[in-house]
Amino acid sequence: MPKAYWISAYRQIHNPDALAAYAKLAGPAITAAGGRFLARGMPAAVKEAGVMQRTVLVEFDNLAAAQAAYDSPMYKEALDALGTGNVEREIRIIEGA
């Protein structure tokens, strides 16, 4: 069974305090669900149509674990702390090759 990944790309951060509150809860929620942070922060470089934006890459043992982490009560609490309109981002859940 292939591994799975969360790829989070932050287009804009409107409220850094809300993001910090989210991160304080999201990190433990993700690791409790078996996620492993592989990379997070600003890109060292962007190429082609790339955008200089905060990016986070998290690895899970499989797709079911990645989906369950996002749907977990602990992660929901983190999303509640983030609130609405404080960041513009996308999260993609993708299965490894």
PDB file of N, CA and C in Angstrom:
ATOM      1  N   MET A   1       0.854  -1.180   0.000  1.00  0.00           N
ATOM      2  CA  MET A   1       0.000   0.000   0.000  1.00  0.00           C
ATOM      3  C   MET A   1       0.898   1.241   0.000  1.00  0.00           C
ATOM      4  N   PRO A   2       0.701   2.154  -0.950  1.00  0.00           N
ATOM      5  CA  PRO A   2       1.575   3.338  -1.026  1.00  0.00           C
ATOM      6  C   PRO A   2       1.312   4.323   0.111  1.00  0.00           C
ATOM      7  N   LYS A   3       2.329   5.073   0.423  1.00  0.00           N
ATOM      8  CA  LYS A   3       2.200   6.144   1.399  1.00  0.00           C
ATOM      9  C   LYS A   3       1.312   7.233   0.806  1.00  0.00           C
ATOM     10  N   ALA A   4       0.877   8.152   1.659  1.00  0.00           N
ATOM     11  CA  ALA A   4       0.065   9.277   1.209  1.00  0.00           C
ATOM     12  C   ALA A   4       0.619  10.552   1.842  1.00  0.00           C
ATOM     13  N   TYR A   5       0.299  11.679   1.237  1.00  0.00           N
ATOM     14  CA  TYR A   5       0.877  12.951   1.645  1.00  0.00           C
ATOM     15  C   TYR A   5      -0.171  14.038   1.697  1.00  0.00           C
ATOM     16  N   TRP A   6      -0.024  14.926   2.675  1.00  0.00           N
ATOM     17  CA  TRP A   6      -0.735  16.200   2.670  1.00  0.00           C
ATOM     18  C   TRP A   6       0.234  17.215   2.109  1.00  0.00           C
ATOM     19  N   ILE A   7      -0.217  17.993   1.156  1.00  0.00           N
ATOM     20  CA  ILE A   7       0.552  19.116   0.656  1.00  0.00           C
ATOM     21  C   ILE A   7      -0.300  20.359   0.905  1.00  0.00           C
ATOM     22  N   SER A   8       0.184  21.227   1.765  1.00  0.00           N
ATOM     23  CA  SER A   8      -0.536  22.458   2.095  1.00  0.00           C
ATOM     24  C   SER A   8       0.212  23.636   1.500  1.00  0.00           C
ATOM     25  N   ALA A   9      -0.492  24.467   0.752  1.00  0.00           N
ATOM     26  CA  ALA A   9       0.105  25.666   0.163  1.00  0.00           C
ATOM     27  C   ALA A   9      -0.703  26.873   0.630  1.00  0.00           C
ATOM     28  N   TYR A  10      -0.014  27.793   1.261  1.00  0.00           N
ATOM     29  CA  TYR A  10      -0.645  28.991   1.815  1.00  0.00           C
ATOM     30  C   TYR A  10      -0.495  30.143   0.831  1.00  0.00           C
ATOM     31  N   ARG A  11      -1.586  30.552   0.224  1.00  0.00           N
ATOM     32  CA  ARG A  11      -1.542  31.667  -0.717  1.00  0.00           C
ATOM     33  C   ARG A  11      -1.331  32.991   0.014  1.00  0.00           C
ATOM     34  N   GLN A  12      -2.085  33.180   1.103  1.00  0.00           N
ATOM     35  CA  GLN A  12      -1.957  34.397   1.898  1.00  0.00           C
ATOM     36  C   GLN A  12      -2.256  34.089   3.353  1.00  0.00           C
ATOM     37  N   ILE A  13      -1.563  34.771   4.234  1.00  0.00           N
ATOM     38  CA  ILE A  13      -1.807  34.671   5.670  1.00  0.00           C
ATOM     39  C   ILE A  13      -2.274  36.051   6.120  1.00  0.00           C
ATOM     40  N   HIS A  14      -3.555  36.148   6.462  1.00  0.00           N
ATOM     41  CA  HIS A  14      -4.139  37.425   6.864  1.00  0.00           C
ATOM     42  C   HIS A  14      -4.014  37.655   8.361  1.00  0.00           C
ATOM     43  N   ASN A  15      -3.968  36.563   9.133  1.00  0.00           N
ATOM     44  CA  ASN A  15      -3.940  36.680  10.594  1.00  0.00           C
ATOM     45  C   ASN A  15      -2.903  35.709  11.149  1.00  0.00           C
ATOM     46  N   PRO A  16      -1.675  36.159  11.339  1.00  0.00           N
ATOM     47  CA  PRO A  16      -0.625  35.276  11.854  1.00  0.00           C
ATOM     48  C   PRO A  16      -0.943  34.685  13.228  1.00  0.00           C
ATOM     49  N   ASP A  17      -1.694  35.409  14.058  1.00  0.00           N
ATOM     50  CA  ASP A  17      -2.052  34.882  15.381  1.00  0.00           C
ATOM     51  C   ASP A  17      -2.980  33.678  15.266  1.00  0.00           C
ATOM     52  N   ALA A  18      -3.923  33.742  14.350  1.00  0.00           N
ATOM     53  CA  ALA A  18      -4.824  32.606  14.130  1.00  0.00           C
ATOM     54  C   ALA A  18      -4.046  31.418  13.584  1.00  0.00           C
ATOM     55  N   LEU A  19      -3.090  31.674  12.696  1.00  0.00           N
ATOM     56  CA  LEU A  19      -2.267  30.590  12.167  1.00  0.00           C
ATOM     57  C   LEU A  19      -1.436  29.958  13.279  1.00  0.00           C
ATOM     58  N   ALA A  20      -0.906  30.758  14.185  1.00  0.00           N
ATOM     59  CA  ALA A  20      -0.129  30.230  15.303  1.00  0.00           C
ATOM     60  C   ALA A  20      -1.003  29.379  16.227  1.00  0.00           C
ATOM     61  N   ALA A  21      -2.229  29.816  16.476  1.00  0.00           N
ATOM     62  CA  ALA A  21      -3.158  29.036  17.304  1.00  0.00           C
ATOM     63  C   ALA A  21      -3.481  27.703  16.636  1.00  0.00           C
ATOM     64  N   TYR A  22      -3.682  27.738  15.324  1.00  0.00           N
ATOM     65  CA  TYR A  22      -3.925  26.522  14.548  1.00  0.00           C
ATOM     66  C   TYR A  22      -2.721  25.586  14.646  1.00  0.00           C
ATOM     67  N   ALA A  23      -1.525  26.116  14.410  1.00  0.00           N
ATOM     68  CA  ALA A  23      -0.312  25.286  14.388  1.00  0.00           C
ATOM     69  C   ALA A  23      -0.074  24.606  15.732  1.00  0.00           C
ATOM     70  N   LYS A  24      -0.380  25.302  16.812  1.00  0.00           N
ATOM     71  CA  LYS A  24      -0.191  24.739  18.160  1.00  0.00           C
ATOM     72  C   LYS A  24      -1.038  23.474  18.355  1.00  0.00           C
ATOM     73  N   LEU A  25      -2.201  23.444  17.733  1.00  0.00           N
ATOM     74  CA  LEU A  25      -3.099  22.293  17.838  1.00  0.00           C
ATOM     75  C   LEU A  25      -2.914  21.303  16.689  1.00  0.00           C
ATOM     76  N   ALA A  26      -2.637  21.806  15.503  1.00  0.00           N
ATOM     77  CA  ALA A  26      -2.562  20.946  14.318  1.00  0.00           C
ATOM     78  C   ALA A  26      -1.372  20.003  14.370  1.00  0.00           C
ATOM     79  N   GLY A  27      -0.215  20.490  14.790  1.00  0.00           N
ATOM     80  CA  GLY A  27       0.976  19.635  14.853  1.00  0.00           C
ATOM     81  C   GLY A  27       0.739  18.377  15.664  1.00  0.00           C
ATOM     82  N   PRO A  28       0.302  18.521  16.921  1.00  0.00           N
ATOM     83  CA  PRO A  28       0.019  17.328  17.724  1.00  0.00           C
ATOM     84  C   PRO A  28      -1.096  16.459  17.143  1.00  0.00           C
ATOM     85  N   ALA A  29      -2.110  17.078  16.538  1.00  0.00           N
ATOM     86  CA  ALA A  29      -3.204  16.292  15.942  1.00  0.00           C
ATOM     87  C   ALA A  29      -2.692  15.453  14.784  1.00  0.00           C
ATOM     88  N   ILE A  30      -1.846  16.038  13.968  1.00  0.00           N
ATOM     89  CA  ILE A  30      -1.319  15.331  12.801  1.00  0.00           C
ATOM     90  C   ILE A  30      -0.376  14.219  13.223  1.00  0.00           C
ATOM     91  N   THR A  31       0.515  14.492  14.162  1.00  0.00           N
ATOM     92  CA  THR A  31       1.443  13.441  14.604  1.00  0.00           C
ATOM     93  C   THR A  31       0.709  12.340  15.359  1.00  0.00           C
ATOM     94  N   ALA A  32      -0.336  12.682  16.112  1.00  0.00           N
ATOM     95  CA  ALA A  32      -1.126  11.655  16.809  1.00  0.00           C
ATOM     96  C   ALA A  32      -1.807  10.723  15.821  1.00  0.00           C
ATOM     97  N   ALA A  33      -2.105  11.236  14.631  1.00  0.00           N
ATOM     98  CA  ALA A  33      -2.749  10.432  13.587  1.00  0.00           C
ATOM     99  C   ALA A  33      -1.729   9.706  12.712  1.00  0.00           C
ATOM    100  N   GLY A  34      -0.454   9.772  13.092  1.00  0.00           N
ATOM    101  CA  GLY A  34       0.571   9.045  12.352  1.00  0.00           C
ATOM    102  C   GLY A  34       1.289   9.862  11.294  1.00  0.00           C
ATOM    103  N   GLY A  35       0.998  11.155  11.210  1.00  0.00           N
ATOM    104  CA  GLY A  35       1.659  12.000  10.220  1.00  0.00           C
ATOM    105  C   GLY A  35       3.080  12.346  10.625  1.00  0.00           C
ATOM    106  N   ARG A  36       3.938  12.479   9.622  1.00  0.00           N
ATOM    107  CA  ARG A  36       5.336  12.865   9.828  1.00  0.00           C
ATOM    108  C   ARG A  36       5.623  14.083   8.958  1.00  0.00           C
ATOM    109  N   PHE A  37       6.025  15.165   9.596  1.00  0.00           N
ATOM    110  CA  PHE A  37       6.341  16.381   8.842  1.00  0.00           C
ATOM    111  C   PHE A  37       7.662  16.172   8.112  1.00  0.00           C
ATOM    112  N   LEU A  38       7.622  16.299   6.796  1.00  0.00           N
ATOM    113  CA  LEU A  38       8.825  16.151   5.979  1.00  0.00           C
ATOM    114  C   LEU A  38       9.425  17.500   5.619  1.00  0.00           C
ATOM    115  N   ALA A  39       8.582  18.504   5.442  1.00  0.00           N
ATOM    116  CA  ALA A  39       9.059  19.849   5.101  1.00  0.00           C
ATOM    117  C   ALA A  39       7.983  20.845   5.477  1.00  0.00           C
ATOM    118  N   ARG A  40       8.426  22.030   5.907  1.00  0.00           N
ATOM    119  CA  ARG A  40       7.484  23.128   6.142  1.00  0.00           C
ATOM    120  C   ARG A  40       8.247  24.439   6.177  1.00  0.00           C
ATOM    121  N   GLY A  41       7.640  25.442   5.588  1.00  0.00           N
ATOM    122  CA  GLY A  41       8.251  26.756   5.544  1.00  0.00           C
ATOM    123  C   GLY A  41       8.173  27.346   4.154  1.00  0.00           C
ATOM    124  N   MET A  42       8.993  28.358   3.946  1.00  0.00           N
ATOM    125  CA  MET A  42       9.048  29.023   2.643  1.00  0.00           C
ATOM    126  C   MET A  42       9.990  28.236   1.726  1.00  0.00           C
ATOM    127  N   PRO A  43       9.686  28.181   0.429  1.00  0.00           N
ATOM    128  CA  PRO A  43      10.560  27.476  -0.508  1.00  0.00           C
ATOM    129  C   PRO A  43      11.940  28.124  -0.592  1.00  0.00           C
ATOM    130  N   ALA A  44      12.937  27.304  -0.796  1.00  0.00           N
ATOM    131  CA  ALA A  44      14.287  27.817  -1.042  1.00  0.00           C
ATOM    132  C   ALA A  44      14.341  28.470  -2.418  1.00  0.00           C
ATOM    133  N   ALA A  45      13.533  27.969  -3.350  1.00  0.00           N
ATOM    134  CA  ALA A  45      13.452  28.512  -4.701  1.00  0.00           C
ATOM    135  C   ALA A  45      12.120  28.080  -5.302  1.00  0.00           C
ATOM    136  N   VAL A  46      11.617  28.860  -6.229  1.00  0.00           N
ATOM    137  CA  VAL A  46      10.434  28.474  -6.996  1.00  0.00           C
ATOM    138  C   VAL A  46      10.803  28.536  -8.471  1.00  0.00           C
ATOM    139  N   LYS A  47      10.281  27.627  -9.242  1.00  0.00           N
ATOM    140  CA  LYS A  47      10.594  27.525 -10.668  1.00  0.00           C
ATOM    141  C   LYS A  47       9.312  27.517 -11.484  1.00  0.00           C
ATOM    142  N   GLU A  48       9.462  27.832 -12.748  1.00  0.00           N
ATOM    143  CA  GLU A  48       8.375  27.834 -13.718  1.00  0.00           C
ATOM    144  C   GLU A  48       7.231  28.709 -13.218  1.00  0.00           C
ATOM    145  N   ALA A  49       6.042  28.183 -13.002  1.00  0.00           N
ATOM    146  CA  ALA A  49       4.915  29.015 -12.546  1.00  0.00           C
ATOM    147  C   ALA A  49       4.770  28.984 -11.029  1.00  0.00           C
ATOM    148  N   GLY A  50       5.833  28.599 -10.325  1.00  0.00           N
ATOM    149  CA  GLY A  50       5.789  28.497  -8.870  1.00  0.00           C
ATOM    150  C   GLY A  50       5.544  29.827  -8.190  1.00  0.00           C
ATOM    151  N   VAL A  51       4.997  29.757  -7.002  1.00  0.00           N
ATOM    152  CA  VAL A  51       4.682  30.934  -6.207  1.00  0.00           C
ATOM    153  C   VAL A  51       5.426  30.815  -4.879  1.00  0.00           C
ATOM    154  N   MET A  52       6.053  31.881  -4.434  1.00  0.00           N
ATOM    155  CA  MET A  52       6.755  31.896  -3.158  1.00  0.00           C
ATOM    156  C   MET A  52       5.707  31.967  -2.050  1.00  0.00           C
ATOM    157  N   GLN A  53       5.376  30.798  -1.489  1.00  0.00           N
ATOM    158  CA  GLN A  53       4.363  30.721  -0.447  1.00  0.00           C
ATOM    159  C   GLN A  53       4.705  29.602   0.519  1.00  0.00           C
ATOM    160  N   ARG A  54       4.267  29.773   1.759  1.00  0.00           N
ATOM    161  CA  ARG A  54       4.501  28.756   2.774  1.00  0.00           C
ATOM    162  C   ARG A  54       3.923  27.433   2.281  1.00  0.00           C
ATOM    163  N   THR A  55       4.692  26.366   2.437  1.00  0.00           N
ATOM    164  CA  THR A  55       4.281  25.039   1.999  1.00  0.00           C
ATOM    165  C   THR A  55       4.604  24.039   3.105  1.00  0.00           C
ATOM    166  N   VAL A  56       3.709  23.079   3.302  1.00  0.00           N
ATOM    167  CA  VAL A  56       3.909  22.041   4.310  1.00  0.00           C
ATOM    168  C   VAL A  56       3.690  20.691   3.640  1.00  0.00           C
ATOM    169  N   LEU A  57       4.590  19.750   3.902  1.00  0.00           N
ATOM    170  CA  LEU A  57       4.494  18.395   3.363  1.00  0.00           C
ATOM    171  C   LEU A  57       4.499  17.410   4.520  1.00  0.00           C
ATOM    172  N   VAL A  58       3.439  16.605   4.614  1.00  0.00           N
ATOM    173  CA  VAL A  58       3.287  15.623   5.693  1.00  0.00           C
ATOM    174  C   VAL A  58       3.087  14.250   5.066  1.00  0.00           C
ATOM    175  N   GLU A  59       3.800  13.252   5.581  1.00  0.00           N
ATOM    176  CA  GLU A  59       3.699  11.875   5.087  1.00  0.00           C
ATOM    177  C   GLU A  59       2.863  11.027   6.046  1.00  0.00           C
ATOM    178  N   PHE A  60       2.025  10.172   5.475  1.00  0.00           N
ATOM    179  CA  PHE A  60       1.230   9.202   6.230  1.00  0.00           C
ATOM    180  C   PHE A  60       1.493   7.812   5.672  1.00  0.00           C
ATOM    181  N   ASP A  61       1.203   6.793   6.456  1.00  0.00           N
ATOM    182  CA  ASP A  61       1.454   5.422   6.021  1.00  0.00           C
ATOM    183  C   ASP A  61       0.614   5.023   4.816  1.00  0.00           C
ATOM    184  N   ASN A  62      -0.587   5.617   4.697  1.00  0.00           N
ATOM    185  CA  ASN A  62      -1.463   5.274   3.574  1.00  0.00           C
ATOM    186  C   ASN A  62      -2.547   6.342   3.424  1.00  0.00           C
ATOM    187  N   LEU A  63      -3.322   6.233   2.375  1.00  0.00           N
ATOM    188  CA  LEU A  63      -4.355   7.210   2.071  1.00  0.00           C
ATOM    189  C   LEU A  63      -5.428   7.258   3.155  1.00  0.00           C
ATOM    190  N   ALA A  64      -5.822   6.104   3.666  1.00  0.00           N
ATOM    191  CA  ALA A  64      -6.853   6.068   4.715  1.00  0.00           C
ATOM    192  C   ALA A  64      -6.396   6.837   5.954  1.00  0.00           C
ATOM    193  N   ALA A  65      -5.128   6.701   6.318  1.00  0.00           N
ATOM    194  CA  ALA A  65      -4.602   7.413   7.487  1.00  0.00           C
ATOM    195  C   ALA A  65      -4.587   8.922   7.244  1.00  0.00           C
ATOM    196  N   ALA A  66      -4.231   9.333   6.038  1.00  0.00           N
ATOM    197  CA  ALA A  66      -4.203  10.765   5.710  1.00  0.00           C
ATOM    198  C   ALA A  66      -5.609  11.360   5.765  1.00  0.00           C
ATOM    199  N   GLN A  67      -6.578  10.651   5.224  1.00  0.00           N
ATOM    200  CA  GLN A  67      -7.971  11.117   5.245  1.00  0.00           C
ATOM    201  C   GLN A  67      -8.496  11.165   6.676  1.00  0.00           C
ATOM    202  N   ALA A  68      -8.192  10.115   7.449  1.00  0.00           N
ATOM    203  CA  ALA A  68      -8.666  10.048   8.835  1.00  0.00           C
ATOM    204  C   ALA A  68      -8.068  11.173   9.674  1.00  0.00           C
ATOM    205  N   ALA A  69      -6.823  11.524   9.425  1.00  0.00           N
ATOM    206  CA  ALA A  69      -6.192  12.617  10.169  1.00  0.00           C
ATOM    207  C   ALA A  69      -6.945  13.918   9.920  1.00  0.00           C
ATOM    208  N   TYR A  70      -7.282  14.176   8.669  1.00  0.00           N
ATOM    209  CA  TYR A  70      -7.992  15.417   8.348  1.00  0.00           C
ATOM    210  C   TYR A  70      -9.373  15.442   8.998  1.00  0.00           C
ATOM    211  N   ASP A  71     -10.012  14.293   9.075  1.00  0.00           N
ATOM    212  CA  ASP A  71     -11.373  14.202   9.613  1.00  0.00           C
ATOM    213  C   ASP A  71     -11.415  14.010  11.127  1.00  0.00           C
ATOM    214  N   SER A  72     -10.265  13.939  11.777  1.00  0.00           N
ATOM    215  CA  SER A  72     -10.225  13.636  13.217  1.00  0.00           C
ATOM    216  C   SER A  72     -10.739  14.802  14.062  1.00  0.00           C
ATOM    217  N   PRO A  73     -11.288  14.486  15.232  1.00  0.00           N
ATOM    218  CA  PRO A  73     -11.724  15.550  16.148  1.00  0.00           C
ATOM    219  C   PRO A  73     -10.584  16.481  16.566  1.00  0.00           C
ATOM    220  N   MET A  74      -9.379  15.942  16.749  1.00  0.00           N
ATOM    221  CA  MET A  74      -8.253  16.795  17.133  1.00  0.00           C
ATOM    222  C   MET A  74      -7.929  17.803  16.037  1.00  0.00           C
ATOM    223  N   TYR A  75      -7.940  17.370  14.784  1.00  0.00           N
ATOM    224  CA  TYR A  75      -7.648  18.293  13.697  1.00  0.00           C
ATOM    225  C   TYR A  75      -8.794  19.279  13.502  1.00  0.00           C
ATOM    226  N   LYS A  76     -10.023  18.847  13.730  1.00  0.00           N
ATOM    227  CA  LYS A  76     -11.174  19.758  13.651  1.00  0.00           C
ATOM    228  C   LYS A  76     -11.009  20.894  14.645  1.00  0.00           C
ATOM    229  N   GLU A  77     -10.500  20.586  15.829  1.00  0.00           N
ATOM    230  CA  GLU A  77     -10.250  21.628  16.841  1.00  0.00           C
ATOM    231  C   GLU A  77      -9.227  22.646  16.317  1.00  0.00           C
ATOM    232  N   ALA A  78      -8.199  22.146  15.633  1.00  0.00           N
ATOM    233  CA  ALA A  78      -7.205  23.047  15.047  1.00  0.00           C
ATOM    234  C   ALA A  78      -7.832  23.930  13.975  1.00  0.00           C
ATOM    235  N   LEU A  79      -8.678  23.349  13.133  1.00  0.00           N
ATOM    236  CA  LEU A  79      -9.355  24.135  12.099  1.00  0.00           C
ATOM    237  C   LEU A  79     -10.266  25.192  12.720  1.00  0.00           C
ATOM    238  N   ASP A  80     -10.920  24.838  13.824  1.00  0.00           N
ATOM    239  CA  ASP A  80     -11.763  25.811  14.518  1.00  0.00           C
ATOM    240  C   ASP A  80     -10.922  26.985  15.038  1.00  0.00           C
ATOM    241  N   ALA A  81      -9.720  26.684  15.546  1.00  0.00           N
ATOM    242  CA  ALA A  81      -8.821  27.742  16.027  1.00  0.00           C
ATOM    243  C   ALA A  81      -8.347  28.625  14.876  1.00  0.00           C
ATOM    244  N   LEU A  82      -8.177  28.042  13.701  1.00  0.00           N
ATOM    245  CA  LEU A  82      -7.760  28.814  12.531  1.00  0.00           C
ATOM    246  C   LEU A  82      -8.850  29.793  12.116  1.00  0.00           C
ATOM    247  N   GLY A  83     -10.097  29.355  12.233  1.00  0.00           N
ATOM    248  CA  GLY A  83     -11.215  30.225  11.892  1.00  0.00           C
ATOM    249  C   GLY A  83     -11.384  30.385  10.392  1.00  0.00           C
ATOM    250  N   THR A  84     -12.237  31.296  10.020  1.00  0.00           N
ATOM    251  CA  THR A  84     -12.575  31.536   8.625  1.00  0.00           C
ATOM    252  C   THR A  84     -11.955  32.855   8.164  1.00  0.00           C
ATOM    253  N   GLY A  85     -11.339  32.824   7.006  1.00  0.00           N
ATOM    254  CA  GLY A  85     -10.817  34.039   6.406  1.00  0.00           C
ATOM    255  C   GLY A  85      -9.464  34.487   6.924  1.00  0.00           C
ATOM    256  N   ASN A  86      -8.854  33.713   7.807  1.00  0.00           N
ATOM    257  CA  ASN A  86      -7.555  34.109   8.367  1.00  0.00           C
ATOM    258  C   ASN A  86      -6.375  33.706   7.489  1.00  0.00           C
ATOM    259  N   VAL A  87      -6.571  32.667   6.700  1.00  0.00           N
ATOM    260  CA  VAL A  87      -5.565  32.269   5.725  1.00  0.00           C
ATOM    261  C   VAL A  87      -6.281  31.847   4.448  1.00  0.00           C
ATOM    262  N   GLU A  88      -5.581  31.963   3.337  1.00  0.00           N
ATOM    263  CA  GLU A  88      -6.039  31.393   2.072  1.00  0.00           C
ATOM    264  C   GLU A  88      -5.048  30.299   1.754  1.00  0.00           C
ATOM    265  N   ARG A  89      -5.526  29.060   1.713  1.00  0.00           N
ATOM    266  CA  ARG A  89      -4.641  27.929   1.462  1.00  0.00           C
ATOM    267  C   ARG A  89      -5.412  26.814   0.797  1.00  0.00           C
ATOM    268  N   GLU A  90      -4.656  25.856   0.321  1.00  0.00           N
ATOM    269  CA  GLU A  90      -5.255  24.617  -0.165  1.00  0.00           C
ATOM    270  C   GLU A  90      -4.483  23.467   0.454  1.00  0.00           C
ATOM    271  N   ILE A  91      -5.201  22.406   0.712  1.00  0.00           N
ATOM    272  CA  ILE A  91      -4.569  21.168   1.178  1.00  0.00           C
ATOM    273  C   ILE A  91      -4.928  20.096   0.157  1.00  0.00           C
ATOM    274  N   ARG A  92      -3.905  19.470  -0.364  1.00  0.00           N
ATOM    275  CA  ARG A  92      -4.116  18.343  -1.282  1.00  0.00           C
ATOM    276  C   ARG A  92      -3.677  17.079  -0.566  1.00  0.00           C
ATOM    277  N   ILE A  93      -4.494  16.051  -0.638  1.00  0.00           N
ATOM    278  CA  ILE A  93      -4.127  14.736  -0.119  1.00  0.00           C
ATOM    279  C   ILE A  93      -3.879  13.862  -1.337  1.00  0.00           C
ATOM    280  N   ILE A  94      -2.652  13.367  -1.433  1.00  0.00           N
ATOM    281  CA  ILE A  94      -2.247  12.643  -2.637  1.00  0.00           C
ATOM    282  C   ILE A  94      -1.562  11.333  -2.247  1.00  0.00           C
ATOM    283  N   GLU A  95      -1.843  10.306  -3.014  1.00  0.00           N
ATOM    284  CA  GLU A  95      -1.234   8.995  -2.787  1.00  0.00           C
ATOM    285  C   GLU A  95       0.128   8.939  -3.463  1.00  0.00           C
ATOM    286  N   GLY A  96       1.076   8.324  -2.783  1.00  0.00           N
ATOM    287  CA  GLY A  96       2.418   8.193  -3.340  1.00  0.00           C
ATOM    288  C   GLY A  96       2.468   7.250  -4.530  1.00  0.00           C
ATOM    289  N   ALA A  97       3.504   7.390  -5.309  1.00  0.00           N
ATOM    290  CA  ALA A  97       3.672   6.551  -6.499  1.00  0.00           C
ATOM    291  C   ALA A  97       4.156   5.164  -6.115  1.00  0.00           C
TER     292      ALA A  97
END
